[in-house]
Amino acid sequence: MISDLVAVTGASGAVGGRVAARLARTGVPVRLLGRDPARLPDLPGAVAAPPAAYGDGETMRRALDGAHTLFLVSAHESPGRVTEHTTAVDAALAAGVERIVYV
């Protein structure tokens, strides 16, 4: 496990994108997560994870494998949002993520 790897969800959006860019600029290893990998930014030292929806626990777990920290940007309002977020957090724990920052 890379002890300082930070996985950032919503990396193609405003909040996640800014966090990912700042981390990459300071040399922190970053894994970018987004619904559309083609929209993820090209940041030095950052790698894109395969697509993983918050509500798909297995793909989220695989995307988060080896990450120490998860920066989890809240999904859009939807009837299933709480379940999706719970699934994403459970997947992070199953992947061994030690810290979750939820926005």
N, C-alpha and C. Protein backbone atom coordinates (compact mmCIF):
# COMPACT_ATOMS: atom_id res chain seq x y z
N MET A 1 0.84 -1.18 0.00
CA MET A 1 0.00 0.00 0.00
C MET A 1 0.88 1.25 0.00
N ILE A 2 0.55 2.20 -0.86
CA ILE A 2 1.25 3.48 -0.87
C ILE A 2 0.64 4.30 0.25
N SER A 3 1.41 4.59 1.29
CA SER A 3 0.84 5.15 2.51
C SER A 3 0.23 6.53 2.35
N ASP A 4 0.62 7.29 1.36
CA ASP A 4 0.07 8.64 1.26
C ASP A 4 -0.81 8.85 0.03
N LEU A 5 -1.23 7.78 -0.63
CA LEU A 5 -2.08 7.89 -1.81
C LEU A 5 -3.45 8.42 -1.43
N VAL A 6 -3.86 9.49 -2.12
CA VAL A 6 -5.17 10.09 -1.87
C VAL A 6 -6.05 9.86 -3.10
N ALA A 7 -7.20 9.25 -2.89
CA ALA A 7 -8.19 9.07 -3.95
C ALA A 7 -9.17 10.23 -3.87
N VAL A 8 -9.39 10.88 -4.99
CA VAL A 8 -10.28 12.05 -5.02
C VAL A 8 -11.43 11.77 -5.96
N THR A 9 -12.66 11.76 -5.42
CA THR A 9 -13.84 11.58 -6.27
C THR A 9 -14.24 12.94 -6.84
N GLY A 10 -15.00 12.90 -7.91
CA GLY A 10 -15.44 14.14 -8.52
C GLY A 10 -14.29 14.96 -9.06
N ALA A 11 -13.22 14.29 -9.46
CA ALA A 11 -12.00 14.98 -9.88
C ALA A 11 -12.17 15.79 -11.15
N SER A 12 -13.25 15.56 -11.90
CA SER A 12 -13.49 16.36 -13.10
C SER A 12 -14.38 17.57 -12.78
N GLY A 13 -14.82 17.68 -11.55
CA GLY A 13 -15.67 18.79 -11.14
C GLY A 13 -14.89 19.91 -10.47
N ALA A 14 -15.62 20.91 -10.01
CA ALA A 14 -15.01 22.10 -9.42
C ALA A 14 -14.26 21.80 -8.12
N VAL A 15 -14.93 21.20 -7.16
CA VAL A 15 -14.31 20.96 -5.85
C VAL A 15 -13.25 19.86 -5.94
N GLY A 16 -13.64 18.68 -6.43
CA GLY A 16 -12.69 17.58 -6.54
C GLY A 16 -11.52 17.92 -7.44
N GLY A 17 -11.77 18.64 -8.51
CA GLY A 17 -10.70 19.04 -9.42
C GLY A 17 -9.68 19.95 -8.77
N ARG A 18 -10.17 20.90 -7.98
CA ARG A 18 -9.25 21.83 -7.29
C ARG A 18 -8.43 21.10 -6.23
N VAL A 19 -9.08 20.20 -5.49
CA VAL A 19 -8.35 19.44 -4.47
C VAL A 19 -7.30 18.56 -5.13
N ALA A 20 -7.67 17.86 -6.19
CA ALA A 20 -6.73 16.98 -6.88
C ALA A 20 -5.55 17.77 -7.44
N ALA A 21 -5.82 18.93 -8.03
CA ALA A 21 -4.74 19.75 -8.60
C ALA A 21 -3.79 20.24 -7.52
N ARG A 22 -4.32 20.66 -6.40
CA ARG A 22 -3.45 21.14 -5.31
C ARG A 22 -2.60 20.00 -4.75
N LEU A 23 -3.20 18.85 -4.56
CA LEU A 23 -2.43 17.70 -4.07
C LEU A 23 -1.33 17.34 -5.05
N ALA A 24 -1.67 17.28 -6.32
CA ALA A 24 -0.67 16.91 -7.35
C ALA A 24 0.47 17.93 -7.38
N ARG A 25 0.13 19.22 -7.27
CA ARG A 25 1.17 20.26 -7.29
C ARG A 25 2.15 20.12 -6.12
N THR A 26 1.67 19.60 -5.01
CA THR A 26 2.54 19.46 -3.84
C THR A 26 3.23 18.10 -3.79
N GLY A 27 3.02 17.27 -4.83
CA GLY A 27 3.73 16.00 -4.91
C GLY A 27 3.05 14.83 -4.23
N VAL A 28 1.82 15.01 -3.77
CA VAL A 28 1.09 13.92 -3.14
C VAL A 28 0.59 12.98 -4.23
N PRO A 29 0.78 11.67 -4.08
CA PRO A 29 0.23 10.74 -5.06
C PRO A 29 -1.29 10.80 -5.06
N VAL A 30 -1.89 10.96 -6.23
CA VAL A 30 -3.34 11.14 -6.34
C VAL A 30 -3.91 10.14 -7.32
N ARG A 31 -5.04 9.53 -6.94
CA ARG A 31 -5.82 8.70 -7.85
C ARG A 31 -7.12 9.45 -8.11
N LEU A 32 -7.40 9.70 -9.37
CA LEU A 32 -8.57 10.47 -9.77
C LEU A 32 -9.75 9.56 -10.05
N LEU A 33 -10.90 9.87 -9.45
CA LEU A 33 -12.11 9.11 -9.70
C LEU A 33 -13.17 10.05 -10.28
N GLY A 34 -13.85 9.57 -11.29
CA GLY A 34 -14.91 10.35 -11.91
C GLY A 34 -15.80 9.44 -12.72
N ARG A 35 -17.01 9.91 -12.99
CA ARG A 35 -17.95 9.09 -13.77
C ARG A 35 -17.48 8.90 -15.19
N ASP A 36 -16.80 9.90 -15.74
CA ASP A 36 -16.33 9.84 -17.13
C ASP A 36 -14.82 10.04 -17.14
N PRO A 37 -14.04 8.96 -17.23
CA PRO A 37 -12.59 9.08 -17.19
C PRO A 37 -12.02 10.03 -18.26
N ALA A 38 -12.72 10.19 -19.37
CA ALA A 38 -12.24 11.08 -20.43
C ALA A 38 -12.24 12.55 -19.97
N ARG A 39 -13.03 12.86 -18.95
CA ARG A 39 -13.11 14.24 -18.45
C ARG A 39 -12.13 14.52 -17.30
N LEU A 40 -11.45 13.50 -16.82
CA LEU A 40 -10.53 13.70 -15.70
C LEU A 40 -9.35 14.56 -16.15
N PRO A 41 -8.87 15.43 -15.26
CA PRO A 41 -7.76 16.30 -15.63
C PRO A 41 -6.45 15.54 -15.77
N ASP A 42 -5.56 16.07 -16.57
CA ASP A 42 -4.22 15.51 -16.73
C ASP A 42 -3.32 16.23 -15.74
N LEU A 43 -3.04 15.58 -14.63
CA LEU A 43 -2.24 16.19 -13.57
C LEU A 43 -0.94 15.42 -13.38
N PRO A 44 0.15 16.11 -13.13
CA PRO A 44 1.43 15.43 -12.96
C PRO A 44 1.38 14.46 -11.77
N GLY A 45 1.76 13.22 -12.04
CA GLY A 45 1.83 12.21 -10.99
C GLY A 45 0.50 11.59 -10.63
N ALA A 46 -0.60 12.09 -11.16
CA ALA A 46 -1.92 11.54 -10.85
C ALA A 46 -2.28 10.44 -11.82
N VAL A 47 -3.02 9.46 -11.34
CA VAL A 47 -3.49 8.38 -12.20
C VAL A 47 -5.01 8.30 -12.11
N ALA A 48 -5.63 7.94 -13.21
CA ALA A 48 -7.07 7.80 -13.25
C ALA A 48 -7.47 6.38 -12.88
N ALA A 49 -8.48 6.28 -12.03
CA ALA A 49 -9.04 4.98 -11.67
C ALA A 49 -10.07 4.59 -12.73
N PRO A 50 -10.33 3.31 -12.87
CA PRO A 50 -11.43 2.90 -13.76
C PRO A 50 -12.74 3.51 -13.24
N PRO A 51 -13.73 3.69 -14.10
CA PRO A 51 -14.99 4.26 -13.65
C PRO A 51 -15.58 3.44 -12.51
N ALA A 52 -16.11 4.14 -11.51
CA ALA A 52 -16.73 3.48 -10.37
C ALA A 52 -17.82 4.38 -9.82
N ALA A 53 -19.04 3.87 -9.81
CA ALA A 53 -20.17 4.62 -9.25
C ALA A 53 -20.22 4.42 -7.75
N TYR A 54 -20.64 5.44 -7.03
CA TYR A 54 -20.73 5.36 -5.57
C TYR A 54 -21.57 4.17 -5.12
N GLY A 55 -22.61 3.85 -5.84
CA GLY A 55 -23.51 2.78 -5.44
C GLY A 55 -23.05 1.38 -5.82
N ASP A 56 -21.91 1.27 -6.50
CA ASP A 56 -21.37 -0.03 -6.90
C ASP A 56 -20.18 -0.35 -6.00
N GLY A 57 -20.46 -1.04 -4.93
CA GLY A 57 -19.45 -1.30 -3.90
C GLY A 57 -18.20 -1.99 -4.41
N GLU A 58 -18.36 -2.97 -5.28
CA GLU A 58 -17.20 -3.73 -5.75
C GLU A 58 -16.29 -2.89 -6.64
N THR A 59 -16.84 -2.11 -7.56
CA THR A 59 -15.97 -1.29 -8.41
C THR A 59 -15.35 -0.15 -7.60
N MET A 60 -16.08 0.38 -6.62
CA MET A 60 -15.50 1.41 -5.74
C MET A 60 -14.34 0.81 -4.94
N ARG A 61 -14.54 -0.39 -4.41
CA ARG A 61 -13.47 -1.03 -3.62
C ARG A 61 -12.22 -1.20 -4.47
N ARG A 62 -12.40 -1.67 -5.69
CA ARG A 62 -11.24 -1.85 -6.58
C ARG A 62 -10.57 -0.51 -6.89
N ALA A 63 -11.37 0.51 -7.12
CA ALA A 63 -10.82 1.84 -7.45
C ALA A 63 -10.07 2.44 -6.26
N LEU A 64 -10.44 2.06 -5.05
CA LEU A 64 -9.84 2.63 -3.85
C LEU A 64 -8.74 1.76 -3.25
N ASP A 65 -8.53 0.58 -3.81
CA ASP A 65 -7.51 -0.33 -3.29
C ASP A 65 -6.15 0.35 -3.25
N GLY A 66 -5.51 0.35 -2.09
CA GLY A 66 -4.19 0.94 -1.93
C GLY A 66 -4.20 2.40 -1.51
N ALA A 67 -5.37 3.03 -1.47
CA ALA A 67 -5.44 4.44 -1.06
C ALA A 67 -5.43 4.53 0.46
N HIS A 68 -4.77 5.54 0.96
CA HIS A 68 -4.75 5.81 2.40
C HIS A 68 -5.92 6.72 2.77
N THR A 69 -6.19 7.69 1.91
CA THR A 69 -7.22 8.70 2.18
C THR A 69 -8.17 8.78 1.00
N LEU A 70 -9.45 8.96 1.31
CA LEU A 70 -10.47 9.19 0.29
C LEU A 70 -11.06 10.57 0.52
N PHE A 71 -11.00 11.41 -0.51
CA PHE A 71 -11.69 12.70 -0.51
C PHE A 71 -12.98 12.47 -1.28
N LEU A 72 -14.09 12.37 -0.57
CA LEU A 72 -15.37 11.98 -1.14
C LEU A 72 -16.27 13.21 -1.31
N VAL A 73 -16.43 13.62 -2.56
CA VAL A 73 -17.31 14.74 -2.88
C VAL A 73 -18.73 14.21 -2.98
N SER A 74 -19.65 14.86 -2.27
CA SER A 74 -21.04 14.44 -2.26
C SER A 74 -21.63 14.38 -3.67
N ALA A 75 -22.41 13.35 -3.91
CA ALA A 75 -23.09 13.20 -5.20
C ALA A 75 -24.26 14.17 -5.30
N HIS A 76 -24.77 14.33 -6.51
CA HIS A 76 -25.94 15.18 -6.71
C HIS A 76 -27.13 14.66 -5.92
N GLU A 77 -28.04 15.55 -5.59
CA GLU A 77 -29.27 15.16 -4.90
C GLU A 77 -29.99 14.08 -5.69
N SER A 78 -30.36 13.03 -5.00
CA SER A 78 -31.14 11.97 -5.61
C SER A 78 -31.78 11.16 -4.49
N PRO A 79 -32.85 10.44 -4.77
CA PRO A 79 -33.51 9.65 -3.72
C PRO A 79 -32.58 8.60 -3.10
N GLY A 80 -31.61 8.08 -3.86
CA GLY A 80 -30.74 7.03 -3.34
C GLY A 80 -29.38 7.51 -2.87
N ARG A 81 -29.22 8.82 -2.71
CA ARG A 81 -27.90 9.38 -2.41
C ARG A 81 -27.30 8.85 -1.10
N VAL A 82 -28.10 8.75 -0.05
CA VAL A 82 -27.57 8.26 1.23
C VAL A 82 -27.07 6.83 1.08
N THR A 83 -27.83 5.99 0.39
CA THR A 83 -27.41 4.61 0.17
C THR A 83 -26.13 4.56 -0.66
N GLU A 84 -26.05 5.40 -1.70
CA GLU A 84 -24.85 5.43 -2.53
C GLU A 84 -23.62 5.85 -1.72
N HIS A 85 -23.77 6.85 -0.89
CA HIS A 85 -22.64 7.32 -0.07
C HIS A 85 -22.23 6.26 0.95
N THR A 86 -23.22 5.61 1.55
CA THR A 86 -22.92 4.54 2.51
C THR A 86 -22.16 3.41 1.81
N THR A 87 -22.58 3.06 0.61
CA THR A 87 -21.90 2.02 -0.16
C THR A 87 -20.46 2.43 -0.46
N ALA A 88 -20.25 3.69 -0.84
CA ALA A 88 -18.90 4.18 -1.14
C ALA A 88 -18.01 4.14 0.10
N VAL A 89 -18.56 4.54 1.24
CA VAL A 89 -17.78 4.51 2.48
C VAL A 89 -17.46 3.07 2.87
N ASP A 90 -18.44 2.19 2.78
CA ASP A 90 -18.20 0.77 3.08
C ASP A 90 -17.13 0.19 2.17
N ALA A 91 -17.15 0.58 0.89
CA ALA A 91 -16.14 0.10 -0.06
C ALA A 91 -14.76 0.62 0.32
N ALA A 92 -14.70 1.86 0.76
CA ALA A 92 -13.41 2.44 1.19
C ALA A 92 -12.86 1.67 2.38
N LEU A 93 -13.71 1.37 3.34
CA LEU A 93 -13.26 0.60 4.50
C LEU A 93 -12.79 -0.79 4.10
N ALA A 94 -13.53 -1.43 3.20
CA ALA A 94 -13.14 -2.76 2.72
C ALA A 94 -11.81 -2.72 1.98
N ALA A 95 -11.51 -1.59 1.33
CA ALA A 95 -10.25 -1.44 0.59
C ALA A 95 -9.08 -1.07 1.50
N GLY A 96 -9.36 -0.80 2.77
CA GLY A 96 -8.30 -0.45 3.71
C GLY A 96 -8.01 1.03 3.82
N VAL A 97 -8.90 1.87 3.28
CA VAL A 97 -8.72 3.31 3.40
C VAL A 97 -8.79 3.67 4.89
N GLU A 98 -7.83 4.49 5.33
CA GLU A 98 -7.75 4.83 6.75
C GLU A 98 -8.40 6.16 7.10
N ARG A 99 -8.56 7.04 6.12
CA ARG A 99 -9.13 8.36 6.39
C ARG A 99 -10.09 8.72 5.26
N ILE A 100 -11.27 9.21 5.66
CA ILE A 100 -12.25 9.67 4.68
C ILE A 100 -12.59 11.11 4.99
N VAL A 101 -12.45 11.96 3.98
CA VAL A 101 -12.83 13.35 4.08
C VAL A 101 -14.07 13.50 3.21
N TYR A 102 -15.19 13.87 3.82
CA TYR A 102 -16.46 13.94 3.12
C TYR A 102 -16.88 15.41 2.97
N VAL A 103 -17.18 15.79 1.74
CA VAL A 103 -17.64 17.16 1.48
C VAL A 103 -19.00 17.07 0.83
